[in-house]
Amino acid sequence: MERCVYVDLSSLREIGRGDEEFVRAVIQRFQESGDKLVPEAGERAKNQDWGGVAQIVHRLKGSALAVGAPQLAIVCGAIEDDLRTQSEATEPISMSLECLVQTWEKTSSELAGAA
C-alpha cells in the first residue's frame, strides 16, 4: 500500500532554485496562514457562513498547491465541491471540515520536519 503524500517540496525547491532560506520562509508563511485559516473555516461553518468557508478553502487550496501539499489541496477542493452542490445539508460539510483539520495537522507536521 502506498503512503499518502502530504508534502512534496520538489516544485517549491525548484522555484527557489536551491535557496533553502526561501523554501523555509515560504513554508513558515504557509503554516502561519493555515494555523489561522483552518480554525477560521470551522468558526465560519458554525455560523453557517458558507460563502466565508468557500473563500477560505479556495485560498488554502491555491496555497497548498503552490507549496506542495497535495492532500490538503484535495480536501479543500472536495469542500468547495460540497459547498457548490449542497445548500442546506451541513453534516457532510462538517465531516469534510473535520477532515480538513486532520489533513492540516498532518501537513503542518510534515512541513515542520521538512523545513
C-alpha atoms as a PDB file:
ATOM      1  CA  MET A   1       0.000   0.000   0.000  1.00  0.00           C
ATOM      2  CA  GLU A   2       1.344   3.424  -0.942  1.00  0.00           C
ATOM      3  CA  ARG A   3       1.897   6.018   1.740  1.00  0.00           C
ATOM      4  CA  CYS A   4      -0.248   9.123   1.414  1.00  0.00           C
ATOM      5  CA  VAL A   5       1.877  12.089   0.339  1.00  0.00           C
ATOM      6  CA  TYR A   6       1.045  15.156   2.399  1.00  0.00           C
ATOM      7  CA  VAL A   7       4.094  17.188   1.374  1.00  0.00           C
ATOM      8  CA  ASP A   8       6.204  17.262  -1.778  1.00  0.00           C
ATOM      9  CA  LEU A   9       8.542  20.228  -1.786  1.00  0.00           C
ATOM     10  CA  SER A  10      10.244  19.403  -5.079  1.00  0.00           C
ATOM     11  CA  SER A  11       8.403  22.106  -7.058  1.00  0.00           C
ATOM     12  CA  LEU A  12       8.919  24.708  -4.337  1.00  0.00           C
ATOM     13  CA  ARG A  13      12.622  23.879  -4.218  1.00  0.00           C
ATOM     14  CA  GLU A  14      12.778  24.154  -7.995  1.00  0.00           C
ATOM     15  CA  ILE A  15      11.118  27.581  -7.863  1.00  0.00           C
ATOM     16  CA  GLY A  16      13.578  28.613  -5.147  1.00  0.00           C
ATOM     17  CA  ARG A  17      16.498  27.352  -7.250  1.00  0.00           C
ATOM     18  CA  GLY A  18      18.131  25.659  -4.298  1.00  0.00           C
ATOM     19  CA  ASP A  19      17.668  28.578  -1.904  1.00  0.00           C
ATOM     20  CA  GLU A  20      16.652  26.731   1.258  1.00  0.00           C
ATOM     21  CA  GLU A  21      16.089  30.022   3.095  1.00  0.00           C
ATOM     22  CA  PHE A  22      13.431  30.863   0.512  1.00  0.00           C
ATOM     23  CA  VAL A  23      11.821  27.441   0.977  1.00  0.00           C
ATOM     24  CA  ARG A  24      11.800  27.823   4.774  1.00  0.00           C
ATOM     25  CA  ALA A  25      10.305  31.320   4.525  1.00  0.00           C
ATOM     26  CA  VAL A  26       7.506  30.162   2.208  1.00  0.00           C
ATOM     27  CA  ILE A  27       6.758  27.188   4.456  1.00  0.00           C
ATOM     28  CA  GLN A  28       6.691  29.412   7.526  1.00  0.00           C
ATOM     29  CA  ARG A  29       4.252  31.866   5.902  1.00  0.00           C
ATOM     30  CA  PHE A  30       2.083  28.997   4.709  1.00  0.00           C
ATOM     31  CA  GLN A  31       1.981  27.436   8.171  1.00  0.00           C
ATOM     32  CA  GLU A  32       1.157  30.751   9.838  1.00  0.00           C
ATOM     33  CA  SER A  33      -1.639  31.318   7.344  1.00  0.00           C
ATOM     34  CA  GLY A  34      -3.011  27.790   7.714  1.00  0.00           C
ATOM     35  CA  ASP A  35      -2.885  27.990  11.502  1.00  0.00           C
ATOM     36  CA  LYS A  36      -5.273  30.951  11.236  1.00  0.00           C
ATOM     37  CA  LEU A  37      -7.410  29.906   8.281  1.00  0.00           C
ATOM     38  CA  VAL A  38      -8.250  26.327   9.277  1.00  0.00           C
ATOM     39  CA  PRO A  39      -9.825  27.297  12.630  1.00  0.00           C
ATOM     40  CA  GLU A  40     -11.499  30.278  10.949  1.00  0.00           C
ATOM     41  CA  ALA A  41     -13.159  27.907   8.460  1.00  0.00           C
ATOM     42  CA  GLY A  42     -14.576  25.968  11.407  1.00  0.00           C
ATOM     43  CA  GLU A  43     -15.880  29.135  13.031  1.00  0.00           C
ATOM     44  CA  ARG A  44     -17.492  30.296   9.822  1.00  0.00           C
ATOM     45  CA  ALA A  45     -19.134  26.897   9.410  1.00  0.00           C
ATOM     46  CA  LYS A  46     -20.550  27.108  12.948  1.00  0.00           C
ATOM     47  CA  ASN A  47     -22.108  30.427  11.933  1.00  0.00           C
ATOM     48  CA  GLN A  48     -23.310  28.885   8.648  1.00  0.00           C
ATOM     49  CA  ASP A  49     -21.253  31.418   6.698  1.00  0.00           C
ATOM     50  CA  TRP A  50     -20.800  29.062   3.759  1.00  0.00           C
ATOM     51  CA  GLY A  51     -19.520  31.812   1.478  1.00  0.00           C
ATOM     52  CA  GLY A  52     -16.783  32.558   4.028  1.00  0.00           C
ATOM     53  CA  VAL A  53     -15.905  28.869   4.267  1.00  0.00           C
ATOM     54  CA  ALA A  54     -15.712  28.690   0.473  1.00  0.00           C
ATOM     55  CA  GLN A  55     -13.347  31.677   0.323  1.00  0.00           C
ATOM     56  CA  ILE A  56     -11.077  30.186   2.968  1.00  0.00           C
ATOM     57  CA  VAL A  57     -10.820  26.717   1.436  1.00  0.00           C
ATOM     58  CA  HIS A  58     -10.288  28.220  -2.017  1.00  0.00           C
ATOM     59  CA  ARG A  59      -7.405  30.290  -0.663  1.00  0.00           C
ATOM     60  CA  LEU A  60      -5.950  27.306   1.198  1.00  0.00           C
ATOM     61  CA  LYS A  61      -6.239  25.114  -1.896  1.00  0.00           C
ATOM     62  CA  GLY A  62      -4.236  27.529  -4.011  1.00  0.00           C
ATOM     63  CA  SER A  63      -1.577  27.950  -1.345  1.00  0.00           C
ATOM     64  CA  ALA A  64      -1.384  24.202  -0.786  1.00  0.00           C
ATOM     65  CA  LEU A  65      -0.811  23.594  -4.488  1.00  0.00           C
ATOM     66  CA  ALA A  66       1.888  26.270  -4.609  1.00  0.00           C
ATOM     67  CA  VAL A  67       3.737  24.935  -1.563  1.00  0.00           C
ATOM     68  CA  GLY A  68       3.436  21.263  -2.431  1.00  0.00           C
ATOM     69  CA  ALA A  69       0.721  19.981  -0.105  1.00  0.00           C
ATOM     70  CA  PRO A  70      -1.409  17.884  -2.468  1.00  0.00           C
ATOM     71  CA  GLN A  71      -3.638  16.164   0.105  1.00  0.00           C
ATOM     72  CA  LEU A  72      -4.612  19.477   1.644  1.00  0.00           C
ATOM     73  CA  ALA A  73      -5.473  20.815  -1.810  1.00  0.00           C
ATOM     74  CA  ILE A  74      -7.619  17.730  -2.497  1.00  0.00           C
ATOM     75  CA  VAL A  75      -9.539  18.137   0.767  1.00  0.00           C
ATOM     76  CA  CYS A  76     -10.085  21.844   0.102  1.00  0.00           C
ATOM     77  CA  GLY A  77     -11.316  21.076  -3.398  1.00  0.00           C
ATOM     78  CA  ALA A  78     -13.735  18.472  -2.037  1.00  0.00           C
ATOM     79  CA  ILE A  79     -15.137  21.015   0.425  1.00  0.00           C
ATOM     80  CA  GLU A  80     -15.569  23.514  -2.413  1.00  0.00           C
ATOM     81  CA  ASP A  81     -17.471  20.849  -4.359  1.00  0.00           C
ATOM     82  CA  ASP A  82     -19.624  20.033  -1.310  1.00  0.00           C
ATOM     83  CA  LEU A  83     -20.478  23.690  -0.850  1.00  0.00           C
ATOM     84  CA  ARG A  84     -21.464  24.057  -4.510  1.00  0.00           C
ATOM     85  CA  THR A  85     -23.766  21.024  -4.503  1.00  0.00           C
ATOM     86  CA  GLN A  86     -25.354  21.189  -1.033  1.00  0.00           C
ATOM     87  CA  SER A  87     -27.460  24.092   0.027  1.00  0.00           C
ATOM     88  CA  GLU A  88     -28.806  23.163   3.464  1.00  0.00           C
ATOM     89  CA  ALA A  89     -27.035  19.914   4.421  1.00  0.00           C
ATOM     90  CA  THR A  90     -24.392  20.855   6.975  1.00  0.00           C
ATOM     91  CA  GLU A  91     -23.444  17.378   8.235  1.00  0.00           C
ATOM     92  CA  PRO A  92     -21.353  16.333   5.200  1.00  0.00           C
ATOM     93  CA  ILE A  93     -19.628  19.711   5.226  1.00  0.00           C
ATOM     94  CA  SER A  94     -18.914  19.378   8.953  1.00  0.00           C
ATOM     95  CA  MET A  95     -17.355  15.977   8.292  1.00  0.00           C
ATOM     96  CA  SER A  96     -15.284  17.483   5.491  1.00  0.00           C
ATOM     97  CA  LEU A  97     -14.117  20.253   7.829  1.00  0.00           C
ATOM     98  CA  GLU A  98     -13.010  17.623  10.354  1.00  0.00           C
ATOM     99  CA  CYS A  99     -11.020  16.037   7.541  1.00  0.00           C
ATOM    100  CA  LEU A 100      -9.563  19.483   6.765  1.00  0.00           C
ATOM    101  CA  VAL A 101      -8.358  19.855  10.359  1.00  0.00           C
ATOM    102  CA  GLN A 102      -6.795  16.384  10.373  1.00  0.00           C
ATOM    103  CA  THR A 103      -5.152  16.903   6.993  1.00  0.00           C
ATOM    104  CA  TRP A 104      -3.839  20.313   8.063  1.00  0.00           C
ATOM    105  CA  GLU A 105      -2.291  18.791  11.212  1.00  0.00           C
ATOM    106  CA  LYS A 106      -0.539  16.072   9.217  1.00  0.00           C
ATOM    107  CA  THR A 107       0.581  18.533   6.530  1.00  0.00           C
ATOM    108  CA  SER A 108       1.843  21.050   9.066  1.00  0.00           C
ATOM    109  CA  SER A 109       3.726  18.351  10.943  1.00  0.00           C
ATOM    110  CA  GLU A 110       5.423  17.121   7.777  1.00  0.00           C
ATOM    111  CA  LEU A 111       6.281  20.667   6.728  1.00  0.00           C
ATOM    112  CA  ALA A 112       7.853  21.337  10.108  1.00  0.00           C
ATOM    113  CA  GLY A 113      10.051  18.282   9.616  1.00  0.00           C
ATOM    114  CA  ALA A 114      10.947  19.237   6.068  1.00  0.00           C
ATOM    115  CA  ALA A 115      11.912  22.849   6.701  1.00  0.00           C
END
